[in-house]
Amino acid sequence: MSTSLRVKAIAMCTAVLAGTAGTAAATTATVASTAAPTSTAATSAAASSAAAVPDPLARFHGQRVDWRSCATGPGDELGRKLDAAGADCADLTVPLDHSAPGGRTLTVAVSRLKATDTAHRVGPLLLNDGGPAGPSLHMPLTVSKTMGEVAGRYDLIGMDPRFVGRSTPLDCGWDTGSAFLRSAGSDRAAYRDEVALARDLAARCERAHGDVLPYVTTRNTARDMDVVRAALGADTLSYLGYSYGSYLGEVYAQLFPGRTGRIVLDGVNPPESYNQTLLRGAEAVNEEALRAWASWAAARHGTYGLGATRTAVLAKVGHVLDAATDRPLRIEKRTEDQSGKQSGKRSGGAYLLDEHVLPALFVAGLGSDLDGRRADLAATVRVLARAADREPVEPSEALAGQLEFLLTPAGSAPSSQMAAIICGDVAERRGTGSYWRAVQDSRARFPLAGPLANNITPCEFWDRPAESPTVLDGDVPALLVAATGDPRTRYSGAQTVRAQWPGSRLLTVTGARQHGLYGEYGNACVDGTVNAYLRTGRLPAEDPTCAARP
């Protein structure tokens, strides 16, 4: 989900050990054998040793890629756009469990925009748009525009990760898309409702997909990426990943040292920050982003009418949040539900926004300091303010889409996938009381972000992951891209990965409150620096810096 929460990163955007301890042990043993030492001599020795042993994944690595047109029917807008651009698509077969390649298989959907500059061809550049659970089949279309002539040197590969988008699907049958975008509420009774909901959502996923949940993980997606590399006939894989996609790139580099080409990670999330409470630790930067947006809106009071000062705008936000705590806000649907089916969060033809879901709309709007994104949030708050005054209101088309995702089964599949990946990677039992204590500790300092960032999630009721979390212990000469005021993946996380990978370089955008920079921020310094690296493969001599507003 690109910059819409990266409703992406947090999903409008986001496995479970449902098997035996023996399954977990076998999978963990496979991981240990996959990750090799990072020194050149050790890597060469490992490669020589591996060459003497039959490849257990040979049928996947050597599979014939059946490229075809991308459109699946007359209503497939994305497919038509890919076809018009000259791209082609394919479904690759991967094992559900890479440690048991003779067992059940999945399909992974990929798109390809072929290199046109064959004299300078580098190879495949695999693209990931974040999430977790962000479809990425579309990315060759968007990234090629930013790369310009450099795009011709690469086969641009979009890949929908396992169980996402057009790959083998997963949907837990939820009534909501807000599993990881919920606030704890104002009191202990409201929080108990959150505990009950998180428990129910986890149980539904276990009932629907308990057989595959242990394999819905970032590490397995990274292994699928290596199948794609091999099936394309490439020795190495270049990579561009945003937000969660940076973590996926880190995992791939850790599992497959020596197989990485040119690596760009934008919105860098280190393994230490990747956990089941996605925004924990980012409360302060989100509250700062809220105040900065309020100043922006106050300067445009004549347009939006939210207040002529920052204090007045923040008071309006507080009024909206207080009203939802007292009684859910009612926002009329733009069109009636033709099916007549009503979910538990809809009343007649209206969306009901309560204190648990409403804060997500504010946080979702704080992912960028671009005027257009700030204007979108201001327009949303104007509608919410009228609803808080109990006036009849209809949402804009964009707001209706967000509400449909958050409050109805329309958001079930992407939210299920996000939960399955995060919980499959890092679920831990913290105890239900621990979240409430963290909420209360953060509420006074961070009234908007604290109760949301520290709230319980379905991961509390997930089985333990089949594998231990990834730890970076090598060195990858990657280009890291980060904004000092990124409200999703904190700048300190990019600094952490820079220290863990001494051979990397960190491109810093100072003064930007932006999540997702390359090709998304309209910053010529950023785009030029990344394109120069992708063109030549040479990193800057020192860590470069770009100003947010040159």
Protein backbone atom coordinates (compact mmCIF):
# COMPACT_ATOMS: atom_id res chain seq x y z
CA MET A 1 0.00 0.00 0.00
CA SER A 2 2.70 2.87 -1.42
CA THR A 3 2.32 5.89 0.71
CA SER A 4 -1.28 5.38 1.76
CA LEU A 5 -0.38 4.37 5.32
CA ARG A 6 2.36 2.80 3.70
CA VAL A 7 -2.15 2.77 4.84
CA LYS A 8 0.76 0.49 3.78
CA ALA A 9 3.07 0.30 6.51
CA ILE A 10 0.63 0.00 8.92
CA ALA A 11 -1.70 -1.50 5.79
CA MET A 12 -4.62 0.02 4.50
CA CYS A 13 -2.31 -0.21 4.51
CA THR A 14 0.02 -5.67 7.20
CA ALA A 15 3.69 -17.23 11.03
CA VAL A 16 2.30 -18.88 13.60
CA LEU A 17 3.70 -22.15 14.64
CA ALA A 18 0.55 -24.23 14.20
CA GLY A 19 2.52 -27.42 13.72
CA THR A 20 4.65 -29.47 16.06
CA ALA A 21 7.87 -28.56 17.80
CA GLY A 22 9.58 -30.91 15.37
CA THR A 23 8.40 -28.81 12.42
CA ALA A 24 9.80 -25.69 14.03
CA ALA A 25 13.11 -27.40 14.72
CA ALA A 26 13.40 -28.66 11.16
CA THR A 27 12.65 -25.21 9.75
CA THR A 28 15.11 -23.55 12.09
CA ALA A 29 17.79 -26.04 11.09
CA THR A 30 17.17 -25.17 7.45
CA VAL A 31 17.67 -21.48 8.19
CA ALA A 32 20.96 -22.19 9.92
CA SER A 33 22.20 -24.03 6.87
CA THR A 34 20.97 -21.31 4.47
CA ALA A 35 22.78 -18.40 6.09
CA ALA A 36 26.48 -18.47 5.29
CA PRO A 37 29.41 -16.54 6.75
CA THR A 38 29.94 -13.20 5.11
CA SER A 39 33.67 -13.22 4.46
CA THR A 40 34.73 -13.75 0.84
CA ALA A 41 36.73 -16.89 1.63
CA ALA A 42 33.93 -18.43 3.66
CA THR A 43 31.36 -17.58 1.00
CA SER A 44 33.51 -19.15 -1.72
CA ALA A 45 34.06 -22.26 0.38
CA ALA A 46 30.35 -22.55 1.05
CA ALA A 47 29.61 -22.15 -2.66
CA SER A 48 32.12 -24.87 -3.58
CA SER A 49 30.65 -27.18 -0.97
CA ALA A 50 27.13 -26.47 -2.14
CA ALA A 51 28.13 -27.25 -5.74
CA ALA A 52 29.01 -30.80 -4.70
CA VAL A 53 25.58 -31.39 -3.18
CA PRO A 54 22.41 -31.84 -5.26
CA ASP A 55 20.18 -28.77 -5.12
CA PRO A 56 17.01 -29.76 -3.18
CA LEU A 57 15.18 -26.85 -4.83
CA ALA A 58 16.38 -27.68 -8.34
CA ARG A 59 12.88 -28.07 -9.79
CA PHE A 60 11.97 -24.60 -8.54
CA HIS A 61 15.24 -22.93 -9.45
CA GLY A 62 15.19 -24.42 -12.92
CA GLN A 63 11.50 -23.99 -13.70
CA ARG A 64 10.49 -22.54 -17.05
CA VAL A 65 9.01 -19.06 -16.64
CA ASP A 66 5.88 -18.84 -18.80
CA TRP A 67 5.64 -15.13 -19.57
CA ARG A 68 2.25 -13.91 -20.79
CA SER A 69 0.15 -10.77 -21.02
CA CYS A 70 -0.74 -9.30 -17.61
CA ALA A 71 -4.44 -8.51 -18.04
CA THR A 72 -6.64 -11.28 -16.66
CA GLY A 73 -9.87 -9.90 -18.12
CA PRO A 74 -11.61 -6.76 -19.40
CA GLY A 75 -11.95 -5.34 -15.89
CA ASP A 76 -8.28 -5.75 -14.96
CA GLU A 77 -7.07 -2.12 -14.99
CA LEU A 78 -3.63 -2.92 -13.56
CA GLY A 79 -3.09 -5.70 -16.08
CA ARG A 80 -4.05 -3.41 -18.95
CA LYS A 81 -1.60 -0.75 -17.76
CA LEU A 82 1.20 -3.29 -17.47
CA ASP A 83 0.45 -4.61 -20.95
CA ALA A 84 0.35 -1.09 -22.39
CA ALA A 85 3.79 -0.42 -20.92
CA GLY A 86 5.22 -3.52 -22.58
CA ALA A 87 5.43 -5.59 -19.40
CA ASP A 88 4.65 -9.26 -19.13
CA CYS A 89 3.59 -11.44 -16.21
CA ALA A 90 4.04 -14.97 -14.90
CA ASP A 91 3.24 -17.22 -11.96
CA LEU A 92 6.24 -18.98 -10.41
CA THR A 93 5.92 -22.08 -8.28
CA VAL A 94 7.56 -22.09 -4.84
CA PRO A 95 7.42 -24.58 -1.97
CA LEU A 96 5.15 -23.79 0.94
CA ASP A 97 7.93 -25.05 3.21
CA HIS A 98 11.38 -24.55 1.74
CA SER A 99 12.75 -27.22 4.06
CA ALA A 100 10.34 -29.76 2.53
CA PRO A 101 10.42 -28.95 -1.20
CA GLY A 102 8.65 -32.17 -2.11
CA GLY A 103 5.49 -31.06 -0.35
CA ARG A 104 2.77 -28.52 -0.99
CA THR A 105 3.46 -25.64 -3.39
CA LEU A 106 2.27 -22.06 -3.88
CA THR A 107 2.27 -19.63 -6.77
CA VAL A 108 3.97 -16.25 -6.64
CA ALA A 109 2.87 -13.64 -9.18
CA VAL A 110 5.56 -11.57 -10.88
CA SER A 111 5.66 -8.86 -13.53
CA ARG A 112 8.60 -7.88 -15.72
CA LEU A 113 9.53 -4.78 -17.69
CA LYS A 114 12.51 -5.98 -19.71
CA ALA A 115 15.79 -4.13 -20.05
CA THR A 116 16.08 -2.18 -23.29
CA ASP A 117 19.71 -1.03 -22.93
CA THR A 118 21.20 -4.46 -23.49
CA ALA A 119 24.72 -3.07 -23.87
CA HIS A 120 24.62 -1.94 -20.23
CA ARG A 121 22.25 -4.55 -18.82
CA VAL A 122 22.77 -5.18 -15.09
CA GLY A 123 20.14 -7.88 -14.51
CA PRO A 124 16.92 -8.14 -12.51
CA LEU A 125 15.92 -5.43 -10.03
CA LEU A 126 13.22 -6.83 -7.75
CA LEU A 127 10.83 -4.28 -6.25
CA ASN A 128 8.82 -4.33 -3.00
CA ASP A 129 6.36 -1.64 -1.95
CA GLY A 130 6.27 -2.39 1.77
CA GLY A 131 3.37 -3.31 4.01
CA PRO A 132 3.76 -5.96 5.25
CA ALA A 133 1.42 -7.41 2.62
CA GLY A 134 1.82 -4.66 0.05
CA PRO A 135 1.20 -5.92 -3.50
CA SER A 136 4.10 -4.97 -5.76
CA LEU A 137 3.15 -6.25 -9.20
CA HIS A 138 2.52 -2.65 -10.31
CA MET A 139 5.92 -1.29 -9.31
CA PRO A 140 7.76 -1.54 -12.65
CA LEU A 141 5.30 1.09 -13.93
CA THR A 142 6.02 3.64 -11.22
CA VAL A 143 9.71 2.99 -10.59
CA SER A 144 10.64 3.09 -14.28
CA LYS A 145 9.41 6.68 -14.46
CA THR A 146 11.69 7.76 -11.63
CA MET A 147 14.67 5.80 -12.95
CA GLY A 148 14.43 7.36 -16.42
CA GLU A 149 17.11 6.04 -18.77
CA VAL A 150 18.61 3.94 -15.96
CA ALA A 151 15.52 1.71 -16.07
CA GLY A 152 16.65 0.38 -19.42
CA ARG A 153 19.60 -1.35 -17.76
CA TYR A 154 17.40 -3.60 -15.63
CA ASP A 155 14.68 -6.15 -15.91
CA LEU A 156 12.29 -4.49 -13.45
CA ILE A 157 10.52 -7.24 -11.49
CA GLY A 158 7.36 -6.68 -9.47
CA MET A 159 6.48 -9.52 -7.10
CA ASP A 160 3.37 -10.03 -5.01
CA PRO A 161 4.73 -11.82 -1.92
CA ARG A 162 3.32 -15.22 -0.98
CA PHE A 163 -0.37 -15.00 0.02
CA VAL A 164 -0.60 -11.37 -1.19
CA GLY A 165 -2.28 -9.85 -4.24
CA ARG A 166 -2.31 -12.23 -7.20
CA SER A 167 -0.17 -14.83 -5.50
CA THR A 168 -1.79 -17.76 -3.66
CA PRO A 169 -4.33 -15.91 -1.46
CA LEU A 170 -5.01 -15.79 2.26
CA ASP A 171 -8.07 -14.25 3.92
CA CYS A 172 -9.11 -14.92 7.51
CA GLY A 173 -12.70 -13.76 6.97
CA TRP A 174 -12.59 -10.74 9.26
CA ASP A 175 -15.26 -8.03 9.47
CA THR A 176 -12.62 -5.31 9.65
CA GLY A 177 -9.38 -4.15 8.09
CA SER A 178 -8.15 -2.38 11.21
CA ALA A 179 -6.47 -5.20 13.14
CA PHE A 180 -3.17 -3.28 13.42
CA LEU A 181 -4.67 0.21 13.25
CA ARG A 182 -6.67 0.37 16.43
CA SER A 183 -6.43 2.53 19.52
CA ALA A 184 -6.83 1.09 23.00
CA GLY A 185 -9.66 3.40 24.01
CA SER A 186 -10.19 5.76 26.89
CA ASP A 187 -10.70 3.35 29.77
CA ARG A 188 -10.16 -0.22 30.90
CA ALA A 189 -13.60 -1.34 29.70
CA ALA A 190 -12.86 -0.10 26.19
CA TYR A 191 -9.49 -1.86 26.29
CA ARG A 192 -11.15 -5.14 27.30
CA ASP A 193 -13.14 -4.93 24.08
CA GLU A 194 -9.84 -4.64 22.20
CA VAL A 195 -8.49 -7.73 23.94
CA ALA A 196 -11.59 -9.68 22.98
CA LEU A 197 -11.38 -8.53 19.38
CA ALA A 198 -7.67 -9.38 19.06
CA ARG A 199 -8.32 -12.85 20.48
CA ASP A 200 -11.22 -13.40 18.06
CA LEU A 201 -9.25 -12.25 15.01
CA ALA A 202 -6.37 -14.58 15.85
CA ALA A 203 -8.77 -17.49 16.36
CA ARG A 204 -10.43 -16.86 13.00
CA CYS A 205 -7.07 -16.96 11.23
CA GLU A 206 -6.14 -20.19 12.99
CA ARG A 207 -9.41 -21.81 11.97
CA ALA A 208 -9.20 -20.63 8.37
CA HIS A 209 -5.49 -21.09 7.66
CA GLY A 210 -3.80 -22.84 10.55
CA ASP A 211 -2.12 -25.26 8.16
CA VAL A 212 -0.19 -22.54 6.32
CA LEU A 213 0.28 -19.82 8.95
CA PRO A 214 3.71 -21.11 10.08
CA TYR A 215 5.00 -20.39 6.56
CA VAL A 216 3.58 -16.88 6.10
CA THR A 217 6.82 -15.18 7.05
CA THR A 218 9.34 -12.68 5.77
CA ARG A 219 12.07 -15.31 5.73
CA ASN A 220 10.01 -17.49 3.41
CA THR A 221 9.26 -14.52 1.17
CA ALA A 222 13.01 -13.91 0.98
CA ARG A 223 13.49 -17.55 0.00
CA ASP A 224 10.83 -17.10 -2.69
CA MET A 225 12.82 -14.11 -3.97
CA ASP A 226 15.82 -16.36 -4.40
CA VAL A 227 13.71 -18.82 -6.37
CA VAL A 228 12.73 -15.90 -8.62
CA ARG A 229 16.40 -14.98 -9.02
CA ALA A 230 17.36 -18.50 -10.01
CA ALA A 231 14.38 -18.97 -12.33
CA LEU A 232 15.37 -15.77 -14.13
CA GLY A 233 18.84 -17.22 -14.65
CA ALA A 234 20.59 -14.52 -12.61
CA ASP A 235 23.58 -15.00 -10.33
CA THR A 236 22.67 -11.97 -8.22
CA LEU A 237 19.52 -10.00 -7.45
CA SER A 238 19.38 -6.21 -7.21
CA TYR A 239 16.63 -4.87 -5.00
CA LEU A 240 14.61 -1.75 -4.16
CA GLY A 241 12.38 -1.95 -1.08
CA TYR A 242 10.33 0.63 0.79
CA SER A 243 9.37 0.61 4.48
CA TYR A 244 8.71 -3.04 5.45
CA GLY A 245 10.37 -3.81 2.13
CA SER A 246 13.62 -2.58 3.66
CA TYR A 247 13.30 -5.28 6.33
CA LEU A 248 12.59 -7.87 3.63
CA GLY A 249 15.74 -6.75 1.83
CA GLU A 250 17.77 -7.06 5.01
CA VAL A 251 16.47 -10.59 5.55
CA TYR A 252 17.30 -11.58 1.96
CA ALA A 253 20.83 -10.22 2.30
CA GLN A 254 21.28 -12.10 5.57
CA LEU A 255 19.97 -15.43 4.25
CA PHE A 256 21.71 -15.24 0.88
CA PRO A 257 25.06 -13.47 1.24
CA GLY A 258 26.88 -13.15 -2.04
CA ARG A 259 23.68 -13.14 -4.07
CA THR A 260 22.83 -9.45 -3.71
CA GLY A 261 23.50 -6.91 -6.43
CA ARG A 262 22.71 -3.22 -6.06
CA ILE A 263 20.51 -2.67 -3.00
CA VAL A 264 18.40 0.41 -2.16
CA LEU A 265 16.38 0.47 1.06
CA ASP A 266 14.04 3.46 1.49
CA GLY A 267 12.40 4.06 4.89
CA VAL A 268 14.76 1.74 6.72
CA ASN A 269 13.38 -0.56 9.40
CA PRO A 270 16.02 -2.57 11.32
CA PRO A 271 15.20 -6.02 12.73
CA GLU A 272 15.36 -4.58 16.25
CA SER A 273 12.40 -2.27 15.50
CA TYR A 274 10.26 -4.83 13.70
CA ASN A 275 7.70 -6.15 16.19
CA GLN A 276 4.01 -6.75 16.76
CA THR A 277 3.34 -3.19 17.95
CA LEU A 278 4.39 -1.55 14.71
CA LEU A 279 4.43 2.09 15.79
CA ARG A 280 5.82 1.65 19.29
CA GLY A 281 8.74 4.04 19.58
CA ALA A 282 7.33 6.36 16.90
CA GLU A 283 4.84 8.12 19.20
CA ALA A 284 6.89 11.31 19.55
CA VAL A 285 7.60 11.76 15.84
CA ASN A 286 3.91 11.27 15.01
CA GLU A 287 2.82 13.84 17.60
CA GLU A 288 5.41 16.22 16.14
CA ALA A 289 4.02 15.56 12.67
CA LEU A 290 0.52 16.30 13.96
CA ARG A 291 1.64 19.67 15.34
CA ALA A 292 3.44 20.50 12.11
CA TRP A 293 0.32 19.66 10.11
CA ALA A 294 -1.79 21.79 12.47
CA SER A 295 0.45 24.78 11.76
CA TRP A 296 0.08 24.13 8.03
CA ALA A 297 -3.73 23.91 8.34
CA ALA A 298 -3.89 27.07 10.46
CA ALA A 299 -2.09 29.00 7.73
CA ARG A 300 -4.93 27.87 5.41
CA HIS A 301 -7.84 28.54 7.75
CA GLY A 302 -9.64 30.36 4.96
CA THR A 303 -9.72 27.13 2.96
CA TYR A 304 -10.39 24.51 5.61
CA GLY A 305 -11.89 26.41 8.53
CA LEU A 306 -10.15 24.33 11.17
CA GLY A 307 -8.71 27.23 13.17
CA ALA A 308 -6.45 30.21 12.58
CA THR A 309 -3.72 29.02 14.96
CA ARG A 310 -2.01 25.73 15.60
CA THR A 311 -3.58 25.63 19.06
CA ALA A 312 -7.04 26.10 17.57
CA VAL A 313 -6.51 23.33 15.00
CA LEU A 314 -5.26 20.91 17.65
CA ALA A 315 -8.31 21.81 19.77
CA LYS A 316 -10.50 20.87 16.81
CA VAL A 317 -8.71 17.52 16.57
CA GLY A 318 -9.22 17.00 20.29
CA HIS A 319 -12.92 17.81 19.93
CA VAL A 320 -13.27 15.18 17.20
CA LEU A 321 -11.51 12.53 19.27
CA ASP A 322 -13.54 13.37 22.39
CA ALA A 323 -16.80 13.18 20.47
CA ALA A 324 -15.94 9.71 19.15
CA THR A 325 -15.14 8.59 22.70
CA ASP A 326 -18.56 9.78 23.83
CA ARG A 327 -20.45 8.28 20.88
CA PRO A 328 -19.31 6.96 17.49
CA LEU A 329 -19.29 9.49 14.68
CA ARG A 330 -21.77 8.77 11.92
CA ILE A 331 -20.69 9.34 8.33
CA GLU A 332 -23.22 8.56 5.63
CA LYS A 333 -22.16 6.21 2.88
CA ARG A 334 -21.81 7.73 -0.57
CA THR A 335 -23.83 4.87 -2.06
CA GLU A 336 -25.97 2.20 -0.50
CA ASP A 337 -24.55 -1.29 -0.12
CA GLN A 338 -26.17 -3.07 -3.05
CA SER A 339 -25.79 -6.46 -1.40
CA GLY A 340 -27.81 -5.36 1.61
CA LYS A 341 -25.31 -7.12 3.86
CA GLN A 342 -24.40 -5.12 6.95
CA SER A 343 -21.27 -5.65 9.02
CA GLY A 344 -21.06 -5.03 12.73
CA LYS A 345 -19.41 -1.64 12.13
CA ARG A 346 -22.02 -0.23 9.78
CA SER A 347 -25.44 1.10 10.64
CA GLY A 348 -27.81 1.25 7.71
CA GLY A 349 -26.09 3.32 5.06
CA ALA A 350 -23.55 4.86 7.43
CA TYR A 351 -20.05 4.25 8.73
CA LEU A 352 -19.69 4.44 12.49
CA LEU A 353 -16.30 5.69 13.67
CA ASP A 354 -15.53 4.97 17.31
CA GLU A 355 -12.60 5.83 19.56
CA HIS A 356 -10.74 2.68 18.51
CA VAL A 357 -10.68 3.33 14.75
CA LEU A 358 -10.81 7.12 14.43
CA PRO A 359 -7.18 7.77 15.52
CA ALA A 360 -5.96 5.66 12.60
CA LEU A 361 -7.36 8.22 10.17
CA PHE A 362 -5.24 10.93 11.73
CA VAL A 363 -2.07 8.84 11.89
CA ALA A 364 -2.61 7.64 8.33
CA GLY A 365 -2.61 11.25 7.18
CA LEU A 366 0.68 12.10 8.88
CA GLY A 367 2.96 10.02 6.68
CA SER A 368 3.97 12.95 4.46
CA ASP A 369 4.57 16.69 4.68
CA LEU A 370 3.78 17.26 1.01
CA ASP A 371 1.06 19.85 0.49
CA GLY A 372 -1.21 17.41 -1.33
CA ARG A 373 -1.14 14.85 1.45
CA ARG A 374 -1.63 17.51 4.11
CA ALA A 375 -4.58 18.87 2.17
CA ASP A 376 -6.12 15.39 2.10
CA LEU A 377 -5.91 15.19 5.89
CA ALA A 378 -7.36 18.68 6.29
CA ALA A 379 -10.31 17.77 4.08
CA THR A 380 -10.86 14.61 6.15
CA VAL A 381 -10.73 16.50 9.44
CA ARG A 382 -13.26 19.00 8.11
CA VAL A 383 -15.71 16.15 7.49
CA LEU A 384 -14.94 14.57 10.88
CA ALA A 385 -15.45 17.89 12.67
CA ARG A 386 -18.95 18.20 11.24
CA ALA A 387 -19.67 14.60 12.22
CA ALA A 388 -18.43 15.39 15.74
CA ASP A 389 -21.01 18.18 15.86
CA ARG A 390 -23.57 15.52 14.89
CA GLU A 391 -24.26 17.05 11.49
CA PRO A 392 -25.14 14.75 8.58
CA VAL A 393 -22.02 14.36 6.40
CA GLU A 394 -20.85 12.30 3.45
CA PRO A 395 -17.21 11.32 2.91
CA SER A 396 -15.07 12.22 -0.05
CA GLU A 397 -14.28 9.35 -2.39
CA ALA A 398 -10.85 8.96 -0.78
CA LEU A 399 -12.23 8.96 2.76
CA ALA A 400 -14.95 6.50 1.77
CA GLY A 401 -12.25 4.14 0.55
CA GLN A 402 -10.40 4.38 3.86
CA LEU A 403 -13.58 3.79 5.85
CA GLU A 404 -14.57 0.85 3.69
CA PHE A 405 -11.16 -0.69 4.34
CA LEU A 406 -11.14 -0.04 8.07
CA LEU A 407 -14.74 -0.86 8.94
CA THR A 408 -15.92 -3.60 6.60
CA PRO A 409 -14.87 -7.02 5.27
CA ALA A 410 -13.34 -5.20 2.29
CA GLY A 411 -10.20 -4.83 4.39
CA SER A 412 -10.14 -8.41 5.59
CA ALA A 413 -7.70 -9.94 3.10
CA PRO A 414 -4.89 -7.33 3.25
CA SER A 415 -5.27 -6.98 7.02
CA SER A 416 -5.23 -10.76 7.46
CA GLN A 417 -2.10 -11.03 5.36
CA MET A 418 -0.39 -8.24 7.28
CA ALA A 419 -1.21 -9.88 10.60
CA ALA A 420 -0.08 -13.30 9.41
CA ILE A 421 3.30 -11.97 8.28
CA ILE A 422 4.03 -9.87 11.36
CA CYS A 423 2.80 -12.48 13.82
CA GLY A 424 4.48 -15.26 11.87
CA ASP A 425 7.74 -13.35 12.17
CA VAL A 426 7.77 -11.94 15.69
CA ALA A 427 4.68 -12.87 17.74
CA GLU A 428 5.29 -13.02 21.47
CA ARG A 429 3.05 -13.37 24.50
CA ARG A 430 3.54 -10.20 26.51
CA GLY A 431 0.45 -10.56 28.72
CA THR A 432 -2.69 -8.51 28.08
CA GLY A 433 -2.01 -6.21 31.01
CA SER A 434 1.36 -5.11 29.62
CA TYR A 435 -0.20 -3.30 26.68
CA TRP A 436 -2.60 -1.38 28.89
CA ARG A 437 0.23 -0.29 31.15
CA ALA A 438 2.20 0.92 28.13
CA VAL A 439 -0.87 2.77 26.85
CA GLN A 440 -1.37 4.51 30.17
CA ASP A 441 2.32 5.38 30.47
CA SER A 442 2.29 7.02 27.03
CA ARG A 443 -1.16 8.65 27.01
CA ALA A 444 -0.30 11.93 28.76
CA ARG A 445 2.71 12.66 26.53
CA PHE A 446 1.27 11.24 23.31
CA PRO A 447 -2.55 11.47 23.48
CA LEU A 448 -3.09 10.52 19.83
CA ALA A 449 -0.27 8.11 19.02
CA GLY A 450 0.32 6.51 22.43
CA PRO A 451 -2.91 4.49 22.78
CA LEU A 452 -2.63 3.39 19.13
CA ALA A 453 1.08 2.52 19.06
CA ASN A 454 0.92 0.48 22.27
CA ASN A 455 -2.41 -1.28 21.83
CA ILE A 456 -2.80 -5.05 21.82
CA THR A 457 -2.79 -6.88 18.45
CA PRO A 458 -3.79 -10.38 17.33
CA CYS A 459 -0.13 -11.43 17.70
CA GLU A 460 -0.69 -11.70 21.46
CA PHE A 461 -2.84 -14.78 20.73
CA TRP A 462 -0.75 -16.25 17.90
CA ASP A 463 1.45 -19.31 18.27
CA ARG A 464 5.16 -18.71 18.57
CA PRO A 465 6.99 -18.23 15.26
CA ALA A 466 8.57 -21.27 13.64
CA GLU A 467 11.91 -19.44 13.37
CA SER A 468 13.85 -16.99 15.49
CA PRO A 469 13.87 -13.35 14.38
CA THR A 470 16.52 -12.34 11.88
CA VAL A 471 19.72 -10.80 13.22
CA LEU A 472 22.07 -8.91 10.89
CA ASP A 473 25.67 -10.03 11.28
CA GLY A 474 27.17 -9.36 7.85
CA ASP A 475 28.03 -6.29 5.80
CA VAL A 476 26.08 -5.25 2.71
CA PRO A 477 27.15 -2.32 0.49
CA ALA A 478 23.60 -0.95 0.22
CA LEU A 479 22.29 2.58 -0.25
CA LEU A 480 19.99 3.46 2.66
CA VAL A 481 17.52 6.34 2.24
CA ALA A 482 15.84 8.04 5.20
CA ALA A 483 14.19 11.29 6.30
CA THR A 484 15.00 12.75 9.69
CA GLY A 485 11.31 13.20 10.48
CA ASP A 486 9.93 9.94 9.03
CA PRO A 487 6.84 9.18 11.17
CA ARG A 488 6.71 5.47 10.27
CA THR A 489 10.24 4.09 10.21
CA ARG A 490 12.28 6.28 12.53
CA TYR A 491 15.51 7.84 11.32
CA SER A 492 17.36 6.18 14.19
CA GLY A 493 16.53 2.83 12.59
CA ALA A 494 18.36 3.82 9.42
CA GLN A 495 21.34 4.85 11.54
CA THR A 496 21.26 1.44 13.22
CA VAL A 497 21.44 -0.45 9.91
CA ARG A 498 24.16 1.92 8.69
CA ALA A 499 26.25 0.96 11.73
CA GLN A 500 25.52 -2.75 11.25
CA TRP A 501 26.53 -2.57 7.58
CA PRO A 502 29.78 -0.53 7.53
CA GLY A 503 30.02 -0.86 3.75
CA SER A 504 26.66 0.84 3.23
CA ARG A 505 25.90 4.55 2.81
CA LEU A 506 23.05 6.51 4.38
CA LEU A 507 21.35 9.19 2.27
CA THR A 508 19.69 11.56 4.75
CA VAL A 509 16.93 14.01 3.87
CA THR A 510 17.02 16.69 6.54
CA GLY A 511 13.88 18.40 7.76
CA ALA A 512 11.46 16.07 5.96
CA ARG A 513 8.46 14.46 7.67
CA GLN A 514 8.09 11.94 4.89
CA HIS A 515 7.80 8.17 4.66
CA GLY A 516 9.01 7.00 1.26
CA LEU A 517 11.39 9.30 -0.62
CA TYR A 518 12.76 7.92 -3.89
CA GLY A 519 10.23 8.73 -6.59
CA GLU A 520 7.65 9.76 -4.02
CA TYR A 521 8.87 13.06 -2.59
CA GLY A 522 9.71 14.92 -5.78
CA ASN A 523 13.23 15.60 -4.50
CA ALA A 524 15.74 15.82 -7.37
CA CYS A 525 18.68 15.36 -5.00
CA VAL A 526 17.30 12.06 -3.70
CA ASP A 527 16.24 10.73 -7.08
CA GLY A 528 19.53 11.74 -8.68
CA THR A 529 21.65 10.14 -5.96
CA VAL A 530 19.75 6.85 -6.12
CA ASN A 531 19.80 6.80 -9.92
CA ALA A 532 23.55 7.44 -9.99
CA TYR A 533 24.10 4.42 -7.76
CA LEU A 534 21.76 2.23 -9.81
CA ARG A 535 23.53 3.37 -12.99
CA THR A 536 27.09 2.74 -11.88
CA GLY A 537 26.90 0.44 -8.86
CA ARG A 538 29.22 2.83 -7.03
CA LEU A 539 28.14 4.13 -3.64
CA PRO A 540 28.93 7.72 -2.62
CA ALA A 541 32.31 8.11 -0.93
CA GLU A 542 30.62 9.54 2.17
CA ASP A 543 27.09 9.53 3.56
CA PRO A 544 25.24 12.09 1.39
CA THR A 545 22.65 14.62 2.55
CA CYS A 546 19.73 16.23 0.73
CA ALA A 547 17.58 19.10 1.98
CA ALA A 548 13.84 18.53 2.20
CA ARG A 549 13.19 21.82 0.43
CA PRO A 550 16.18 22.63 -1.80
